[in-house]
């Protein structure tokens, strides 16, 4: 087995379907165990809305959460430090991830 990282590039026509397609192309489900704790780090160093180019699109985070839940993963955490804890908290609220976390039973860690 080689130590090369796998990367997939998918033209985004339907975000939720295309995130799943990208993950399937790299066999991501083989790297995930339902019993593991999964940490998602969106890199929200500044508190800007989802249209701001320097933050991870929260729809991608949501699509990833749905994909993980469909695999049977229950212990999912979204963690962020931001430039300060206030920045991370505001970023979660501005991008809607606070509501997404509540809806899907995901923990937010600041």
N, C-alpha and C. Protein backbone atom coordinates (compact mmCIF):
# COMPACT_ATOMS: atom_id res chain seq x y z
N UNK A 1 0.84 -1.19 0.00
CA UNK A 1 0.00 0.00 0.00
C UNK A 1 0.88 1.24 0.00
N UNK A 2 0.51 2.23 -0.80
CA UNK A 2 1.29 3.46 -0.85
C UNK A 2 0.80 4.45 0.20
N UNK A 3 1.59 5.47 0.42
CA UNK A 3 1.26 6.49 1.41
C UNK A 3 0.75 7.78 0.77
N UNK A 4 0.30 7.68 -0.48
CA UNK A 4 -0.16 8.86 -1.17
C UNK A 4 -1.57 9.23 -0.70
N UNK A 5 -1.80 10.50 -0.56
CA UNK A 5 -3.14 10.97 -0.22
C UNK A 5 -4.02 10.91 -1.46
N UNK A 6 -5.27 10.62 -1.26
CA UNK A 6 -6.21 10.61 -2.38
C UNK A 6 -6.95 11.93 -2.40
N UNK A 7 -7.14 12.44 -3.61
CA UNK A 7 -7.85 13.69 -3.81
C UNK A 7 -8.86 13.48 -4.92
N UNK A 8 -10.04 14.06 -4.76
CA UNK A 8 -11.01 14.01 -5.85
C UNK A 8 -11.44 15.43 -6.18
N UNK A 9 -11.69 15.66 -7.43
CA UNK A 9 -12.19 16.95 -7.90
C UNK A 9 -13.49 16.67 -8.65
N UNK A 10 -14.55 17.31 -8.19
CA UNK A 10 -15.87 17.09 -8.77
C UNK A 10 -16.49 18.43 -9.10
N UNK A 11 -16.98 18.57 -10.32
CA UNK A 11 -17.70 19.79 -10.68
C UNK A 11 -18.99 19.83 -9.86
N UNK A 12 -19.22 20.94 -9.22
CA UNK A 12 -20.35 21.04 -8.30
C UNK A 12 -21.60 21.54 -9.02
N UNK A 13 -22.52 20.61 -9.23
CA UNK A 13 -23.81 20.94 -9.81
C UNK A 13 -24.91 20.85 -8.76
N UNK A 14 -24.76 19.90 -7.85
CA UNK A 14 -25.67 19.71 -6.73
C UNK A 14 -24.80 19.44 -5.52
N UNK A 15 -24.66 20.43 -4.64
CA UNK A 15 -23.67 20.38 -3.58
C UNK A 15 -23.74 19.10 -2.76
N UNK A 16 -24.91 18.72 -2.27
CA UNK A 16 -25.00 17.54 -1.41
C UNK A 16 -24.63 16.26 -2.15
N UNK A 17 -25.12 16.10 -3.37
CA UNK A 17 -24.77 14.92 -4.17
C UNK A 17 -23.30 14.91 -4.54
N UNK A 18 -22.76 16.07 -4.86
CA UNK A 18 -21.38 16.14 -5.32
C UNK A 18 -20.37 15.96 -4.19
N UNK A 19 -20.72 16.38 -2.97
CA UNK A 19 -19.85 16.09 -1.82
C UNK A 19 -19.79 14.57 -1.63
N UNK A 20 -20.94 13.93 -1.68
CA UNK A 20 -20.97 12.47 -1.54
C UNK A 20 -20.18 11.80 -2.67
N UNK A 21 -20.32 12.29 -3.89
CA UNK A 21 -19.59 11.72 -5.03
C UNK A 21 -18.08 11.86 -4.82
N UNK A 22 -17.65 13.03 -4.35
CA UNK A 22 -16.22 13.26 -4.11
C UNK A 22 -15.69 12.31 -3.04
N UNK A 23 -16.47 12.09 -2.00
CA UNK A 23 -16.05 11.18 -0.93
C UNK A 23 -16.00 9.73 -1.42
N UNK A 24 -16.94 9.35 -2.27
CA UNK A 24 -16.93 8.00 -2.83
C UNK A 24 -15.72 7.77 -3.73
N UNK A 25 -15.34 8.79 -4.49
CA UNK A 25 -14.20 8.67 -5.40
C UNK A 25 -12.89 8.37 -4.67
N UNK A 26 -12.79 8.78 -3.43
CA UNK A 26 -11.56 8.52 -2.66
C UNK A 26 -11.75 7.40 -1.64
N UNK A 27 -12.87 6.67 -1.75
CA UNK A 27 -13.17 5.57 -0.84
C UNK A 27 -13.13 6.01 0.62
N UNK A 28 -13.66 7.18 0.89
CA UNK A 28 -13.61 7.74 2.24
C UNK A 28 -14.31 6.87 3.27
N UNK A 29 -15.34 6.15 2.85
CA UNK A 29 -16.07 5.31 3.82
C UNK A 29 -15.19 4.21 4.40
N UNK A 30 -14.14 3.83 3.68
CA UNK A 30 -13.22 2.80 4.19
C UNK A 30 -12.34 3.33 5.33
N UNK A 31 -12.21 4.63 5.41
CA UNK A 31 -11.38 5.25 6.45
C UNK A 31 -12.19 5.61 7.70
N UNK A 32 -13.50 5.42 7.64
CA UNK A 32 -14.38 5.82 8.73
C UNK A 32 -14.91 4.60 9.47
N UNK A 33 -14.83 4.65 10.78
CA UNK A 33 -15.43 3.62 11.62
C UNK A 33 -16.58 4.26 12.39
N UNK A 34 -17.72 3.58 12.43
CA UNK A 34 -18.90 4.13 13.13
C UNK A 34 -18.62 4.41 14.59
N UNK A 35 -17.70 3.70 15.17
CA UNK A 35 -17.42 3.86 16.60
C UNK A 35 -16.43 4.99 16.89
N UNK A 36 -15.84 5.55 15.87
CA UNK A 36 -14.86 6.61 16.08
C UNK A 36 -15.51 7.97 16.30
N UNK A 37 -14.79 8.82 16.97
CA UNK A 37 -15.17 10.21 17.13
C UNK A 37 -14.63 10.95 15.91
N UNK A 38 -15.47 11.71 15.23
CA UNK A 38 -15.06 12.44 14.03
C UNK A 38 -15.06 13.94 14.33
N UNK A 39 -13.95 14.58 14.02
CA UNK A 39 -13.80 16.02 14.24
C UNK A 39 -13.78 16.73 12.90
N UNK A 40 -14.61 17.74 12.76
CA UNK A 40 -14.62 18.58 11.56
C UNK A 40 -14.09 19.95 11.97
N UNK A 41 -13.07 20.43 11.29
CA UNK A 41 -12.45 21.73 11.59
C UNK A 41 -12.63 22.63 10.38
N UNK A 42 -13.64 23.53 10.40
CA UNK A 42 -13.96 24.32 9.21
C UNK A 42 -13.03 25.50 8.92
N UNK A 43 -12.13 25.86 9.84
CA UNK A 43 -11.19 26.96 9.61
C UNK A 43 -11.88 28.32 9.57
N UNK A 44 -12.74 28.57 10.54
CA UNK A 44 -13.42 29.86 10.67
C UNK A 44 -12.59 30.79 11.54
N UNK A 45 -11.52 31.32 10.98
CA UNK A 45 -10.67 32.22 11.76
C UNK A 45 -11.25 33.62 11.88
N UNK A 46 -12.20 33.91 11.00
CA UNK A 46 -12.91 35.19 11.07
C UNK A 46 -14.40 34.90 11.02
N UNK A 47 -15.19 35.78 11.57
CA UNK A 47 -16.64 35.59 11.60
C UNK A 47 -17.26 36.33 10.43
N UNK A 48 -17.42 35.62 9.32
CA UNK A 48 -18.02 36.17 8.11
C UNK A 48 -19.12 35.23 7.64
N UNK A 49 -20.02 35.74 6.86
CA UNK A 49 -21.12 34.95 6.34
C UNK A 49 -20.66 33.91 5.34
N UNK A 50 -21.56 33.01 4.95
CA UNK A 50 -21.20 31.90 4.08
C UNK A 50 -20.76 32.31 2.68
N UNK A 51 -21.08 33.51 2.26
CA UNK A 51 -20.68 33.95 0.92
C UNK A 51 -19.26 34.49 0.89
N UNK A 52 -18.65 34.66 2.07
CA UNK A 52 -17.29 35.18 2.14
C UNK A 52 -16.32 34.08 1.72
N UNK A 53 -15.43 34.39 0.84
CA UNK A 53 -14.57 33.39 0.20
C UNK A 53 -13.58 32.72 1.16
N UNK A 54 -13.31 33.32 2.30
CA UNK A 54 -12.29 32.77 3.19
C UNK A 54 -12.83 31.83 4.26
N UNK A 55 -14.10 31.50 4.22
CA UNK A 55 -14.63 30.53 5.18
C UNK A 55 -15.14 29.31 4.43
N UNK A 56 -15.09 28.17 5.09
CA UNK A 56 -15.62 26.96 4.49
C UNK A 56 -17.12 27.09 4.35
N UNK A 57 -17.63 26.81 3.19
CA UNK A 57 -19.06 26.90 2.94
C UNK A 57 -19.78 25.98 3.93
N UNK A 58 -20.67 26.52 4.75
CA UNK A 58 -21.36 25.69 5.75
C UNK A 58 -22.21 24.59 5.13
N UNK A 59 -22.59 24.73 3.88
CA UNK A 59 -23.35 23.66 3.21
C UNK A 59 -22.48 22.43 3.01
N UNK A 60 -21.18 22.64 2.83
CA UNK A 60 -20.26 21.51 2.71
C UNK A 60 -20.15 20.79 4.06
N UNK A 61 -20.07 21.55 5.13
CA UNK A 61 -20.03 20.96 6.47
C UNK A 61 -21.31 20.16 6.71
N UNK A 62 -22.46 20.73 6.34
CA UNK A 62 -23.74 20.04 6.52
C UNK A 62 -23.78 18.76 5.68
N UNK A 63 -23.33 18.83 4.45
CA UNK A 63 -23.31 17.65 3.58
C UNK A 63 -22.41 16.56 4.17
N UNK A 64 -21.29 16.95 4.74
CA UNK A 64 -20.38 16.00 5.36
C UNK A 64 -21.04 15.36 6.59
N UNK A 65 -21.73 16.16 7.38
CA UNK A 65 -22.44 15.63 8.56
C UNK A 65 -23.49 14.61 8.12
N UNK A 66 -24.27 14.94 7.12
CA UNK A 66 -25.31 14.02 6.62
C UNK A 66 -24.67 12.74 6.11
N UNK A 67 -23.57 12.85 5.37
CA UNK A 67 -22.88 11.67 4.86
C UNK A 67 -22.40 10.79 6.01
N UNK A 68 -21.80 11.41 7.03
CA UNK A 68 -21.31 10.65 8.19
C UNK A 68 -22.47 9.99 8.94
N UNK A 69 -23.56 10.71 9.13
CA UNK A 69 -24.74 10.15 9.81
C UNK A 69 -25.29 8.96 9.02
N UNK A 70 -25.31 9.08 7.69
CA UNK A 70 -25.79 7.97 6.86
C UNK A 70 -24.89 6.74 6.95
N UNK A 71 -23.63 6.95 7.30
CA UNK A 71 -22.70 5.83 7.52
C UNK A 71 -22.90 5.22 8.91
N UNK A 72 -23.66 5.90 9.76
CA UNK A 72 -23.90 5.41 11.11
C UNK A 72 -22.99 6.01 12.16
N UNK A 73 -22.28 7.08 11.81
CA UNK A 73 -21.40 7.75 12.77
C UNK A 73 -22.27 8.65 13.66
N UNK A 74 -22.12 8.48 14.97
CA UNK A 74 -22.92 9.27 15.91
C UNK A 74 -22.12 10.35 16.63
N UNK A 75 -20.83 10.14 16.80
CA UNK A 75 -20.02 11.07 17.59
C UNK A 75 -19.26 12.02 16.67
N UNK A 76 -19.93 13.13 16.32
CA UNK A 76 -19.35 14.12 15.40
C UNK A 76 -19.20 15.43 16.15
N UNK A 77 -18.04 16.05 15.99
CA UNK A 77 -17.75 17.32 16.64
C UNK A 77 -17.29 18.32 15.58
N UNK A 78 -17.80 19.54 15.65
CA UNK A 78 -17.28 20.64 14.84
C UNK A 78 -16.50 21.51 15.82
N UNK A 79 -15.21 21.67 15.59
CA UNK A 79 -14.36 22.43 16.51
C UNK A 79 -13.70 23.59 15.79
N UNK A 80 -13.63 24.70 16.50
CA UNK A 80 -12.99 25.88 15.93
C UNK A 80 -12.45 26.76 17.04
N UNK A 81 -11.33 27.38 16.76
CA UNK A 81 -10.74 28.31 17.71
C UNK A 81 -10.89 29.75 17.24
N UNK A 82 -10.83 29.94 15.94
CA UNK A 82 -10.91 31.30 15.40
C UNK A 82 -9.76 32.14 15.93
N UNK A 83 -9.85 33.43 15.71
CA UNK A 83 -8.84 34.33 16.29
C UNK A 83 -9.09 34.50 17.78
N UNK A 84 -10.31 34.19 18.21
CA UNK A 84 -10.67 34.17 19.63
C UNK A 84 -11.91 33.29 19.77
N UNK A 85 -12.28 32.96 20.99
CA UNK A 85 -13.48 32.15 21.18
C UNK A 85 -14.71 32.91 20.72
N UNK A 86 -14.70 34.22 20.87
CA UNK A 86 -15.82 35.03 20.40
C UNK A 86 -15.95 34.94 18.89
N UNK A 87 -14.82 34.94 18.18
CA UNK A 87 -14.84 34.83 16.73
C UNK A 87 -15.45 33.51 16.29
N UNK A 88 -15.04 32.42 16.91
CA UNK A 88 -15.57 31.11 16.54
C UNK A 88 -17.06 31.01 16.84
N UNK A 89 -17.48 31.49 17.99
CA UNK A 89 -18.89 31.44 18.35
C UNK A 89 -19.73 32.26 17.37
N UNK A 90 -19.26 33.46 17.03
CA UNK A 90 -19.99 34.29 16.06
C UNK A 90 -20.00 33.64 14.69
N UNK A 91 -18.90 33.04 14.28
CA UNK A 91 -18.83 32.37 12.98
C UNK A 91 -19.83 31.22 12.90
N UNK A 92 -19.93 30.43 13.97
CA UNK A 92 -20.90 29.33 13.99
C UNK A 92 -22.33 29.87 13.83
N UNK A 93 -22.61 30.99 14.48
CA UNK A 93 -23.97 31.56 14.40
C UNK A 93 -24.23 32.18 13.03
N UNK A 94 -23.28 32.96 12.52
CA UNK A 94 -23.44 33.64 11.24
C UNK A 94 -23.62 32.65 10.09
N UNK A 95 -22.86 31.55 10.11
CA UNK A 95 -22.91 30.58 9.03
C UNK A 95 -24.06 29.59 9.18
N UNK A 96 -24.74 29.61 10.32
CA UNK A 96 -25.86 28.70 10.54
C UNK A 96 -25.45 27.35 11.11
N UNK A 97 -24.16 27.18 11.43
CA UNK A 97 -23.72 25.89 11.94
C UNK A 97 -24.25 25.59 13.34
N UNK A 98 -24.59 26.62 14.10
CA UNK A 98 -25.19 26.37 15.41
C UNK A 98 -26.51 25.61 15.23
N UNK A 99 -27.33 26.06 14.30
CA UNK A 99 -28.61 25.39 14.03
C UNK A 99 -28.40 24.01 13.41
N UNK A 100 -27.43 23.90 12.50
CA UNK A 100 -27.13 22.61 11.88
C UNK A 100 -26.70 21.60 12.95
N UNK A 101 -25.85 22.03 13.87
CA UNK A 101 -25.38 21.15 14.93
C UNK A 101 -26.54 20.67 15.80
N UNK A 102 -27.43 21.59 16.14
CA UNK A 102 -28.60 21.22 16.94
C UNK A 102 -29.48 20.21 16.19
N UNK A 103 -29.72 20.46 14.92
CA UNK A 103 -30.59 19.61 14.12
C UNK A 103 -30.06 18.18 14.01
N UNK A 104 -28.75 18.02 13.85
CA UNK A 104 -28.16 16.71 13.61
C UNK A 104 -27.48 16.10 14.84
N UNK A 105 -27.60 16.76 15.98
CA UNK A 105 -27.01 16.21 17.19
C UNK A 105 -25.49 16.20 17.19
N UNK A 106 -24.92 17.25 16.63
CA UNK A 106 -23.47 17.39 16.53
C UNK A 106 -22.99 18.36 17.61
N UNK A 107 -21.86 18.06 18.22
CA UNK A 107 -21.31 18.93 19.26
C UNK A 107 -20.49 20.05 18.61
N UNK A 108 -20.62 21.24 19.17
CA UNK A 108 -19.77 22.37 18.78
C UNK A 108 -18.77 22.60 19.91
N UNK A 109 -17.50 22.73 19.54
CA UNK A 109 -16.45 22.99 20.51
C UNK A 109 -15.70 24.23 20.09
N UNK A 110 -15.62 25.15 21.04
CA UNK A 110 -14.92 26.43 20.76
C UNK A 110 -13.71 26.52 21.67
